Amino acid sequence: MFLRRRRPLMAAAMIGGAAHAAHKAGQRSAIAAHQEGDQEATVEQLEAQQRGAAAPPPAAAPPPPAAPAAGTDVVGQL
């Protein structure tokens, strides 16, 4: 004689429900991790801006090299 399962649809529904719940939990944790990464990047940008504002102004540029004396004849030297 054949043994039949009593409630095959209920078993399938339970398995499907558990899979759905696990999938949703995975999505929530992935979204939370993504948001945490965005928050860390924002904090790093703000810290970099604060460091830039607190840094002393750059030193003055060095003076350009002196021009050659007007009395020298470059063409004559060549």
Protein backbone atom coordinates (compact mmCIF):
# COMPACT_ATOMS: atom_id res chain seq x y z
CA MET A 1 0.00 0.00 0.00
CA PHE A 2 1.22 3.51 -0.80
CA LEU A 3 2.05 5.89 1.99
CA ARG A 4 0.99 9.41 1.16
CA ARG A 5 2.10 12.53 2.85
CA ARG A 6 -0.70 14.13 4.69
CA ARG A 7 -0.13 17.80 3.94
CA PRO A 8 2.34 18.32 1.07
CA LEU A 9 1.28 21.93 0.46
CA MET A 10 1.83 22.87 4.08
CA ALA A 11 5.36 21.41 4.02
CA ALA A 12 6.16 23.30 0.82
CA ALA A 13 4.76 26.51 2.28
CA MET A 14 6.90 26.13 5.39
CA ILE A 15 10.06 25.55 3.36
CA GLY A 16 9.27 28.49 1.08
CA GLY A 17 8.50 30.74 4.02
CA ALA A 18 11.78 29.89 5.72
CA ALA A 19 13.70 30.56 2.50
CA HIS A 20 11.93 33.90 2.06
CA ALA A 21 12.73 34.93 5.63
CA ALA A 22 16.39 33.99 5.20
CA HIS A 23 16.59 35.96 1.94
CA LYS A 24 15.06 39.06 3.52
CA ALA A 25 17.47 38.87 6.47
CA GLY A 26 20.40 38.67 4.06
CA GLN A 27 19.14 41.72 2.18
CA ARG A 28 18.77 43.72 5.39
CA SER A 29 22.32 42.92 6.48
CA ALA A 30 23.70 43.81 3.04
CA ILE A 31 21.88 47.15 3.06
CA ALA A 32 23.13 47.90 6.57
CA ALA A 33 26.72 47.11 5.55
CA HIS A 34 26.40 49.34 2.48
CA GLN A 35 25.05 52.23 4.53
CA GLU A 36 27.83 51.79 7.08
CA GLY A 37 30.43 51.98 4.29
CA ASP A 38 28.84 55.19 2.96
CA GLN A 39 28.87 56.67 6.45
CA GLU A 40 32.57 55.85 6.90
CA ALA A 41 33.40 57.48 3.55
CA THR A 42 31.53 60.63 4.57
CA VAL A 43 33.37 60.79 7.89
CA GLU A 44 36.72 60.40 6.10
CA GLN A 45 35.85 63.24 3.71
CA LEU A 46 34.91 65.53 6.58
CA GLU A 47 38.10 64.71 8.45
CA ALA A 48 40.15 65.44 5.33
CA GLN A 49 38.41 68.81 4.97
CA GLN A 50 39.14 69.67 8.60
CA ARG A 51 42.79 68.69 8.21
CA GLY A 52 43.00 70.86 5.09
CA ALA A 53 41.51 73.87 6.89
CA ALA A 54 43.86 73.45 9.87
CA ALA A 55 47.00 73.16 7.72
CA PRO A 56 49.23 76.26 7.52
CA PRO A 57 49.13 78.22 4.27
CA PRO A 58 51.71 77.12 1.69
CA ALA A 59 55.05 78.93 1.66
CA ALA A 60 55.63 81.66 -0.92
CA ALA A 61 56.92 80.50 -4.28
CA PRO A 62 60.69 80.86 -4.79
CA PRO A 63 61.74 83.84 -6.92
CA PRO A 64 62.35 83.16 -10.63
CA PRO A 65 65.98 82.65 -11.71
CA ALA A 66 67.93 85.81 -12.48
CA ALA A 67 67.99 86.96 -16.09
CA PRO A 68 71.34 86.84 -17.88
CA ALA A 69 73.31 90.07 -17.96
CA ALA A 70 72.48 92.36 -20.87
CA GLY A 71 76.12 92.70 -21.94
CA THR A 72 76.66 89.03 -22.83
CA ASP A 73 76.55 88.07 -26.52
CA VAL A 74 75.08 84.57 -26.67
CA VAL A 75 75.30 84.40 -30.48
CA GLY A 76 78.90 85.45 -30.38
CA GLN A 77 79.74 82.77 -27.83
CA LEU A 78 78.25 80.07 -30.03
